[in-house]
């Protein structure tokens, strides 16, 4: 499990370099959204840019402002329990306003 921005950067850079396909899920209050994409740019911790599988899909987030970070290859992000057999790695973060983001690599077996 990781809990530091520095270690999260290493994971995000690995995913950026490998162009790993990610499930990107955002939860904020009564709203949730899921998409697939990849890490496009990690210029600095205040501007991580992910692009989606469809043209025009993109997400930017401020990693440095996250109040909690969690990564564990054995852990499944909250809300993904039914997909536990399909997730290899996940990075979850939350911000002070309650917004949560989970980035997960799916193993594609059975999907």
N, C-alpha and C. Protein backbone atom coordinates (compact mmCIF):
# COMPACT_ATOMS: atom_id res chain seq x y z
N UNK A 1 0.84 -1.16 0.00
CA UNK A 1 0.00 0.00 0.00
C UNK A 1 0.90 1.24 0.00
N UNK A 2 0.51 2.28 -0.72
CA UNK A 2 1.28 3.52 -0.69
C UNK A 2 0.41 4.63 -0.14
N UNK A 3 1.06 5.64 0.36
CA UNK A 3 0.30 6.75 0.89
C UNK A 3 1.03 8.07 0.69
N UNK A 4 1.96 8.13 -0.26
CA UNK A 4 2.67 9.38 -0.50
C UNK A 4 2.54 9.80 -1.96
N UNK A 5 2.55 11.10 -2.17
CA UNK A 5 2.47 11.64 -3.52
C UNK A 5 3.64 11.14 -4.36
N UNK A 6 4.82 11.07 -3.76
CA UNK A 6 6.02 10.64 -4.50
C UNK A 6 5.86 9.22 -5.05
N UNK A 7 5.32 8.33 -4.23
CA UNK A 7 5.13 6.95 -4.69
C UNK A 7 4.00 6.87 -5.71
N UNK A 8 2.95 7.68 -5.53
CA UNK A 8 1.87 7.72 -6.52
C UNK A 8 2.39 8.20 -7.87
N UNK A 9 3.30 9.17 -7.85
CA UNK A 9 3.91 9.67 -9.10
C UNK A 9 4.63 8.54 -9.82
N UNK A 10 5.36 7.71 -9.09
CA UNK A 10 6.07 6.60 -9.71
C UNK A 10 5.10 5.65 -10.41
N UNK A 11 3.98 5.36 -9.76
CA UNK A 11 2.98 4.47 -10.35
C UNK A 11 2.36 5.12 -11.58
N UNK A 12 1.99 6.40 -11.48
CA UNK A 12 1.38 7.10 -12.62
C UNK A 12 2.36 7.19 -13.79
N UNK A 13 3.64 7.42 -13.51
CA UNK A 13 4.65 7.47 -14.59
C UNK A 13 4.78 6.10 -15.26
N UNK A 14 4.74 5.04 -14.47
CA UNK A 14 4.80 3.68 -15.03
C UNK A 14 3.61 3.48 -15.97
N UNK A 15 2.43 3.87 -15.52
CA UNK A 15 1.24 3.71 -16.35
C UNK A 15 1.30 4.60 -17.59
N UNK A 16 1.87 5.80 -17.44
CA UNK A 16 2.02 6.70 -18.59
C UNK A 16 2.97 6.09 -19.62
N UNK A 17 4.10 5.60 -19.18
CA UNK A 17 5.11 5.01 -20.06
C UNK A 17 4.58 3.78 -20.79
N UNK A 18 3.81 2.96 -20.09
CA UNK A 18 3.30 1.73 -20.69
C UNK A 18 1.98 1.92 -21.44
N UNK A 19 1.44 3.14 -21.38
CA UNK A 19 0.12 3.43 -22.00
C UNK A 19 -0.95 2.46 -21.51
N UNK A 20 -0.87 2.11 -20.24
CA UNK A 20 -1.84 1.17 -19.65
C UNK A 20 -3.26 1.69 -19.78
N UNK A 21 -4.17 0.79 -20.14
CA UNK A 21 -5.59 1.13 -20.23
C UNK A 21 -6.17 1.12 -18.81
N UNK A 22 -6.74 2.24 -18.41
CA UNK A 22 -7.25 2.40 -17.06
C UNK A 22 -8.76 2.54 -17.04
N UNK A 23 -9.38 2.04 -15.98
CA UNK A 23 -10.77 2.38 -15.67
C UNK A 23 -10.65 3.60 -14.76
N UNK A 24 -11.27 4.70 -15.16
CA UNK A 24 -11.21 5.94 -14.40
C UNK A 24 -12.59 6.20 -13.82
N UNK A 25 -12.70 6.23 -12.50
CA UNK A 25 -13.99 6.43 -11.85
C UNK A 25 -13.91 7.61 -10.90
N UNK A 26 -14.86 8.54 -11.06
CA UNK A 26 -14.93 9.73 -10.22
C UNK A 26 -16.23 9.68 -9.43
N UNK A 27 -16.14 9.98 -8.15
CA UNK A 27 -17.30 10.01 -7.27
C UNK A 27 -17.31 11.35 -6.56
N UNK A 28 -18.40 12.08 -6.68
CA UNK A 28 -18.53 13.37 -6.00
C UNK A 28 -19.98 13.56 -5.59
N UNK A 29 -20.22 13.45 -4.30
CA UNK A 29 -21.60 13.57 -3.81
C UNK A 29 -22.48 12.52 -4.46
N UNK A 30 -23.61 12.94 -5.03
CA UNK A 30 -24.54 11.98 -5.63
C UNK A 30 -24.17 11.59 -7.07
N UNK A 31 -23.02 12.07 -7.55
CA UNK A 31 -22.64 11.83 -8.95
C UNK A 31 -21.45 10.89 -9.03
N UNK A 32 -21.52 9.93 -9.95
CA UNK A 32 -20.36 9.09 -10.24
C UNK A 32 -20.25 8.94 -11.75
N UNK A 33 -19.02 8.79 -12.23
CA UNK A 33 -18.77 8.64 -13.65
C UNK A 33 -17.64 7.66 -13.84
N UNK A 34 -17.77 6.78 -14.80
CA UNK A 34 -16.72 5.82 -15.11
C UNK A 34 -16.39 5.92 -16.59
N UNK A 35 -15.12 5.85 -16.89
CA UNK A 35 -14.66 5.90 -18.27
C UNK A 35 -13.40 5.05 -18.36
N UNK A 36 -12.93 4.81 -19.56
CA UNK A 36 -11.65 4.14 -19.77
C UNK A 36 -10.71 5.11 -20.46
N UNK A 37 -9.44 5.02 -20.15
CA UNK A 37 -8.46 5.92 -20.77
C UNK A 37 -7.07 5.56 -20.33
N UNK A 38 -6.18 6.55 -20.40
CA UNK A 38 -4.79 6.33 -20.02
C UNK A 38 -4.20 7.64 -19.51
N UNK A 39 -3.09 7.55 -18.80
CA UNK A 39 -2.39 8.74 -18.33
C UNK A 39 -1.69 9.35 -19.54
N UNK A 40 -2.00 10.59 -19.84
CA UNK A 40 -1.42 11.27 -20.99
C UNK A 40 -0.22 12.11 -20.60
N UNK A 41 -0.31 12.81 -19.48
CA UNK A 41 0.76 13.71 -19.09
C UNK A 41 0.81 13.85 -17.58
N UNK A 42 2.01 13.84 -17.08
CA UNK A 42 2.24 14.02 -15.66
C UNK A 42 3.32 15.09 -15.51
N UNK A 43 2.96 16.31 -15.95
CA UNK A 43 3.92 17.42 -15.96
C UNK A 43 4.36 17.77 -14.54
N UNK A 44 3.40 17.83 -13.63
CA UNK A 44 3.70 18.06 -12.23
C UNK A 44 2.53 17.53 -11.41
N UNK A 45 2.66 17.54 -10.11
CA UNK A 45 1.63 16.93 -9.27
C UNK A 45 0.33 17.71 -9.22
N UNK A 46 0.34 18.96 -9.69
CA UNK A 46 -0.89 19.74 -9.65
C UNK A 46 -1.68 19.62 -10.95
N UNK A 47 -1.14 18.92 -11.93
CA UNK A 47 -1.85 18.80 -13.20
C UNK A 47 -1.57 17.45 -13.86
N UNK A 48 -2.27 16.43 -13.39
CA UNK A 48 -2.19 15.11 -14.00
C UNK A 48 -3.31 15.04 -15.02
N UNK A 49 -2.99 14.65 -16.24
CA UNK A 49 -3.95 14.67 -17.33
C UNK A 49 -4.15 13.25 -17.84
N UNK A 50 -5.40 12.81 -17.86
CA UNK A 50 -5.77 11.51 -18.41
C UNK A 50 -6.70 11.75 -19.59
N UNK A 51 -6.52 10.98 -20.65
CA UNK A 51 -7.44 11.09 -21.78
C UNK A 51 -8.24 9.80 -21.89
N UNK A 52 -9.47 9.95 -22.34
CA UNK A 52 -10.36 8.81 -22.45
C UNK A 52 -10.21 8.08 -23.76
N UNK A 53 -10.92 6.97 -23.85
CA UNK A 53 -10.88 6.15 -25.05
C UNK A 53 -11.60 6.83 -26.21
N UNK A 54 -12.53 7.71 -25.92
CA UNK A 54 -13.27 8.43 -26.96
C UNK A 54 -12.69 9.83 -27.14
N UNK A 55 -12.73 10.34 -28.35
CA UNK A 55 -12.24 11.69 -28.63
C UNK A 55 -12.97 12.70 -27.75
N UNK A 56 -12.23 13.58 -27.15
CA UNK A 56 -12.82 14.61 -26.31
C UNK A 56 -12.94 14.25 -24.84
N UNK A 57 -12.81 12.96 -24.51
CA UNK A 57 -12.85 12.55 -23.10
C UNK A 57 -11.52 12.88 -22.45
N UNK A 58 -11.54 13.66 -21.42
CA UNK A 58 -10.32 13.93 -20.68
C UNK A 58 -10.64 14.29 -19.25
N UNK A 59 -9.64 14.15 -18.40
CA UNK A 59 -9.78 14.45 -16.99
C UNK A 59 -8.45 14.99 -16.50
N UNK A 60 -8.50 16.04 -15.74
CA UNK A 60 -7.31 16.58 -15.09
C UNK A 60 -7.57 16.59 -13.59
N UNK A 61 -6.53 16.31 -12.81
CA UNK A 61 -6.70 16.35 -11.36
C UNK A 61 -5.41 16.79 -10.69
N UNK A 62 -5.57 17.32 -9.48
CA UNK A 62 -4.47 17.84 -8.69
C UNK A 62 -4.09 16.79 -7.64
N UNK A 63 -3.09 16.02 -7.96
CA UNK A 63 -2.63 14.96 -7.06
C UNK A 63 -2.09 15.53 -5.75
N UNK A 64 -1.37 16.64 -5.84
CA UNK A 64 -0.76 17.24 -4.65
C UNK A 64 -1.81 17.70 -3.63
N UNK A 65 -3.01 18.03 -4.09
CA UNK A 65 -4.06 18.51 -3.20
C UNK A 65 -4.87 17.38 -2.57
N UNK A 66 -4.64 16.14 -3.00
CA UNK A 66 -5.38 15.00 -2.44
C UNK A 66 -5.08 14.87 -0.95
N UNK A 67 -6.11 14.62 -0.18
CA UNK A 67 -5.93 14.47 1.27
C UNK A 67 -5.67 13.02 1.66
N UNK A 68 -5.95 12.09 0.75
CA UNK A 68 -5.59 10.69 1.01
C UNK A 68 -5.28 9.99 -0.30
N UNK A 69 -4.33 9.08 -0.24
CA UNK A 69 -3.90 8.27 -1.38
C UNK A 69 -3.78 6.83 -0.92
N UNK A 70 -4.16 5.91 -1.80
CA UNK A 70 -4.04 4.50 -1.45
C UNK A 70 -3.80 3.70 -2.71
N UNK A 71 -2.80 2.87 -2.68
CA UNK A 71 -2.57 1.95 -3.79
C UNK A 71 -2.15 0.62 -3.23
N UNK A 72 -2.76 -0.40 -3.77
CA UNK A 72 -2.41 -1.74 -3.34
C UNK A 72 -2.85 -2.67 -4.45
N UNK A 73 -1.94 -3.48 -4.94
CA UNK A 73 -2.30 -4.37 -6.04
C UNK A 73 -3.36 -5.39 -5.62
N UNK A 74 -3.48 -5.62 -4.32
CA UNK A 74 -4.49 -6.58 -3.85
C UNK A 74 -5.80 -5.90 -3.46
N UNK A 75 -5.78 -4.57 -3.32
CA UNK A 75 -6.97 -3.86 -2.87
C UNK A 75 -7.88 -3.52 -4.04
N UNK A 76 -9.14 -3.43 -3.76
CA UNK A 76 -10.14 -3.04 -4.76
C UNK A 76 -10.76 -1.75 -4.27
N UNK A 77 -10.83 -0.72 -5.12
CA UNK A 77 -11.42 0.54 -4.68
C UNK A 77 -12.87 0.36 -4.24
N UNK A 78 -13.27 1.17 -3.29
CA UNK A 78 -14.66 1.15 -2.82
C UNK A 78 -15.61 1.32 -4.00
N UNK A 79 -16.61 0.48 -4.07
CA UNK A 79 -17.56 0.53 -5.17
C UNK A 79 -17.26 -0.47 -6.27
N UNK A 80 -16.07 -1.08 -6.22
CA UNK A 80 -15.65 -2.02 -7.27
C UNK A 80 -15.62 -3.47 -6.79
N UNK A 81 -16.17 -3.75 -5.63
CA UNK A 81 -16.12 -5.09 -5.07
C UNK A 81 -16.56 -6.18 -6.05
N UNK A 82 -17.63 -5.95 -6.86
CA UNK A 82 -18.03 -6.99 -7.83
C UNK A 82 -16.98 -7.26 -8.92
N UNK A 83 -16.06 -6.32 -9.10
CA UNK A 83 -15.04 -6.46 -10.15
C UNK A 83 -13.70 -6.94 -9.61
N UNK A 84 -13.64 -7.37 -8.37
CA UNK A 84 -12.37 -7.71 -7.73
C UNK A 84 -11.53 -8.70 -8.53
N UNK A 85 -12.17 -9.65 -9.18
CA UNK A 85 -11.42 -10.65 -9.96
C UNK A 85 -10.83 -10.07 -11.23
N UNK A 86 -11.23 -8.88 -11.61
CA UNK A 86 -10.81 -8.31 -12.88
C UNK A 86 -9.82 -7.15 -12.73
N UNK A 87 -9.51 -6.73 -11.50
CA UNK A 87 -8.64 -5.58 -11.28
C UNK A 87 -7.28 -6.04 -10.79
N UNK A 88 -6.23 -5.62 -11.52
CA UNK A 88 -4.86 -5.97 -11.16
C UNK A 88 -4.24 -4.96 -10.19
N UNK A 89 -4.44 -3.68 -10.46
CA UNK A 89 -3.82 -2.61 -9.69
C UNK A 89 -4.78 -1.46 -9.61
N UNK A 90 -4.75 -0.72 -8.51
CA UNK A 90 -5.59 0.47 -8.43
C UNK A 90 -4.92 1.54 -7.58
N UNK A 91 -5.19 2.77 -7.93
CA UNK A 91 -4.74 3.94 -7.20
C UNK A 91 -5.97 4.76 -6.90
N UNK A 92 -6.24 4.98 -5.62
CA UNK A 92 -7.41 5.74 -5.20
C UNK A 92 -6.96 6.98 -4.45
N UNK A 93 -7.68 8.06 -4.65
CA UNK A 93 -7.37 9.30 -3.95
C UNK A 93 -8.65 10.02 -3.60
N UNK A 94 -8.56 10.89 -2.60
CA UNK A 94 -9.72 11.67 -2.18
C UNK A 94 -9.26 13.08 -1.85
N UNK A 95 -10.20 14.01 -1.97
CA UNK A 95 -9.93 15.40 -1.66
C UNK A 95 -10.82 15.86 -0.51
N UNK A 96 -10.46 16.97 0.08
CA UNK A 96 -11.15 17.49 1.25
C UNK A 96 -12.66 17.66 1.04
N UNK A 97 -13.08 17.99 -0.18
CA UNK A 97 -14.51 18.21 -0.44
C UNK A 97 -15.30 16.90 -0.59
N UNK A 98 -14.62 15.75 -0.45
CA UNK A 98 -15.29 14.46 -0.54
C UNK A 98 -15.20 13.80 -1.91
N UNK A 99 -14.68 14.50 -2.90
CA UNK A 99 -14.50 13.92 -4.23
C UNK A 99 -13.49 12.79 -4.14
N UNK A 100 -13.81 11.67 -4.81
CA UNK A 100 -12.90 10.52 -4.85
C UNK A 100 -12.64 10.14 -6.30
N UNK A 101 -11.44 9.67 -6.56
CA UNK A 101 -11.05 9.20 -7.89
C UNK A 101 -10.34 7.88 -7.74
N UNK A 102 -10.73 6.91 -8.56
CA UNK A 102 -10.04 5.62 -8.60
C UNK A 102 -9.57 5.37 -10.02
N UNK A 103 -8.30 5.04 -10.16
CA UNK A 103 -7.72 4.62 -11.43
C UNK A 103 -7.33 3.16 -11.27
N UNK A 104 -7.82 2.31 -12.13
CA UNK A 104 -7.59 0.87 -11.99
C UNK A 104 -7.15 0.25 -13.31
N UNK A 105 -6.24 -0.70 -13.23
CA UNK A 105 -5.86 -1.50 -14.39
C UNK A 105 -6.62 -2.81 -14.30
N UNK A 106 -7.35 -3.11 -15.35
CA UNK A 106 -8.12 -4.34 -15.40
C UNK A 106 -7.28 -5.43 -16.05
N UNK A 107 -7.43 -6.65 -15.59
CA UNK A 107 -6.64 -7.74 -16.16
C UNK A 107 -7.24 -8.32 -17.44
N UNK A 108 -8.39 -7.86 -17.83
CA UNK A 108 -9.07 -8.21 -19.09
C UNK A 108 -9.58 -9.64 -19.13
N UNK A 109 -9.26 -10.49 -18.18
CA UNK A 109 -9.77 -11.85 -18.17
C UNK A 109 -11.26 -11.79 -17.83
N UNK A 110 -12.06 -12.28 -18.72
CA UNK A 110 -13.49 -12.30 -18.48
C UNK A 110 -14.21 -11.01 -18.83
N UNK A 111 -13.48 -9.97 -19.24
CA UNK A 111 -14.13 -8.72 -19.61
C UNK A 111 -14.32 -8.64 -21.11
